[in-house]
Amino acid sequence: MFRLQGSKTLAVDLTGDAVKAKNGSMVAYDGRMTFKKMSGGGEGLRGMVTRRLTGEQMTVMEVSGQGTCYFADRASEINLVALHGDT
């Protein structure tokens, strides 16, 4: 599902499932994808107050669909960490 495309781009192969990513980190995609902006605490005034109180600044998006989506963040190096068991 997750693989490196060079040292600074993450390729995510989607088969109908969804992943969350930093808003604005998608650089390309191939296939049929949907992108949904998400933010902690919900939308509107209540969400804004919740984010302000918790110090949450980063917005994320949910990407779902079929195909491959490519992500990068400010030309940062990416390290994949394999997890085994329940995560």
Protein backbone atom coordinates (compact mmCIF):
# COMPACT_ATOMS: atom_id res chain seq x y z
CA MET A 1 0.00 0.00 0.00
CA PHE A 2 2.76 2.50 0.93
CA ARG A 3 6.01 2.71 -1.03
CA LEU A 4 8.73 5.23 -1.74
CA GLN A 5 8.90 6.91 -5.13
CA GLY A 6 12.41 8.29 -4.78
CA SER A 7 13.49 9.52 -1.35
CA LYS A 8 11.06 12.45 -1.05
CA THR A 9 7.78 11.16 -2.46
CA LEU A 10 5.41 8.63 -0.94
CA ALA A 11 3.24 6.57 -3.30
CA VAL A 12 0.04 5.16 -1.82
CA ASP A 13 -1.82 2.47 -3.76
CA LEU A 14 -5.53 2.64 -2.95
CA THR A 15 -8.08 -0.06 -3.74
CA GLY A 16 -11.25 1.52 -2.41
CA ASP A 17 -9.86 2.25 1.03
CA ALA A 18 -8.96 5.64 2.52
CA VAL A 19 -5.89 7.30 4.04
CA LYS A 20 -5.37 10.59 5.84
CA ALA A 21 -2.64 12.99 4.77
CA LYS A 22 -1.45 16.49 5.54
CA ASN A 23 -3.57 19.00 3.64
CA GLY A 24 -1.67 20.22 0.59
CA SER A 25 0.81 17.33 0.47
CA MET A 26 -0.73 15.59 -2.57
CA VAL A 27 1.44 16.24 -5.61
CA ALA A 28 -0.15 13.89 -8.18
CA TYR A 29 -2.55 11.00 -8.57
CA ASP A 30 -3.46 8.39 -11.14
CA GLY A 31 -6.92 6.83 -11.04
CA ARG A 32 -10.23 7.83 -9.49
CA MET A 33 -9.74 9.65 -6.18
CA THR A 34 -11.86 11.78 -3.91
CA PHE A 35 -10.35 14.32 -1.53
CA LYS A 36 -12.13 15.52 1.60
CA LYS A 37 -10.71 18.27 3.81
CA MET A 38 -10.92 17.37 7.49
CA SER A 39 -10.14 19.27 10.65
CA GLY A 40 -10.16 18.25 14.27
CA GLY A 41 -13.08 19.44 16.38
CA GLY A 42 -15.43 19.69 13.41
CA GLU A 43 -16.28 22.59 11.17
CA GLY A 44 -17.68 26.00 11.99
CA LEU A 45 -17.31 28.11 15.12
CA ARG A 46 -17.30 25.17 17.53
CA GLY A 47 -14.53 23.45 15.55
CA MET A 48 -12.49 26.65 15.43
CA VAL A 49 -12.77 27.08 19.22
CA THR A 50 -11.85 23.42 19.82
CA ARG A 51 -8.77 23.68 17.57
CA ARG A 52 -7.73 26.92 19.27
CA LEU A 53 -8.08 25.41 22.76
CA THR A 54 -6.20 22.22 21.89
CA GLY A 55 -3.48 24.01 19.94
CA GLU A 56 -4.25 22.00 16.81
CA GLN A 57 -2.94 23.81 13.75
CA MET A 58 -2.49 21.19 11.04
CA THR A 59 -5.42 20.34 8.80
CA VAL A 60 -5.62 16.95 7.16
CA MET A 61 -7.47 15.50 4.22
CA GLU A 62 -8.95 12.09 3.61
CA VAL A 63 -8.09 10.51 0.28
CA SER A 64 -10.10 7.56 -0.98
CA GLY A 65 -10.64 5.77 -4.25
CA GLN A 66 -8.90 3.48 -6.69
CA GLY A 67 -5.42 4.17 -8.03
CA THR A 68 -2.16 5.67 -6.81
CA CYS A 69 -1.75 8.96 -4.97
CA TYR A 70 1.64 10.65 -4.49
CA PHE A 71 2.51 12.79 -1.46
CA ALA A 72 5.47 15.04 -0.58
CA ASP A 73 6.00 17.71 2.06
CA ARG A 74 8.48 20.55 1.47
CA ALA A 75 11.06 18.21 -0.13
CA SER A 76 11.55 16.36 3.19
CA GLU A 77 13.16 12.92 3.22
CA ILE A 78 10.72 10.08 3.92
CA ASN A 79 11.44 7.01 6.04
CA LEU A 80 9.04 4.06 5.94
CA VAL A 81 8.60 2.15 9.18
CA ALA A 82 7.12 -1.36 8.98
CA LEU A 83 4.64 -2.16 11.76
CA HIS A 84 3.67 -5.72 12.63
CA GLY A 85 0.63 -6.86 14.57
CA ASP A 86 -2.31 -4.74 15.65
CA THR A 87 -1.80 -1.05 14.98
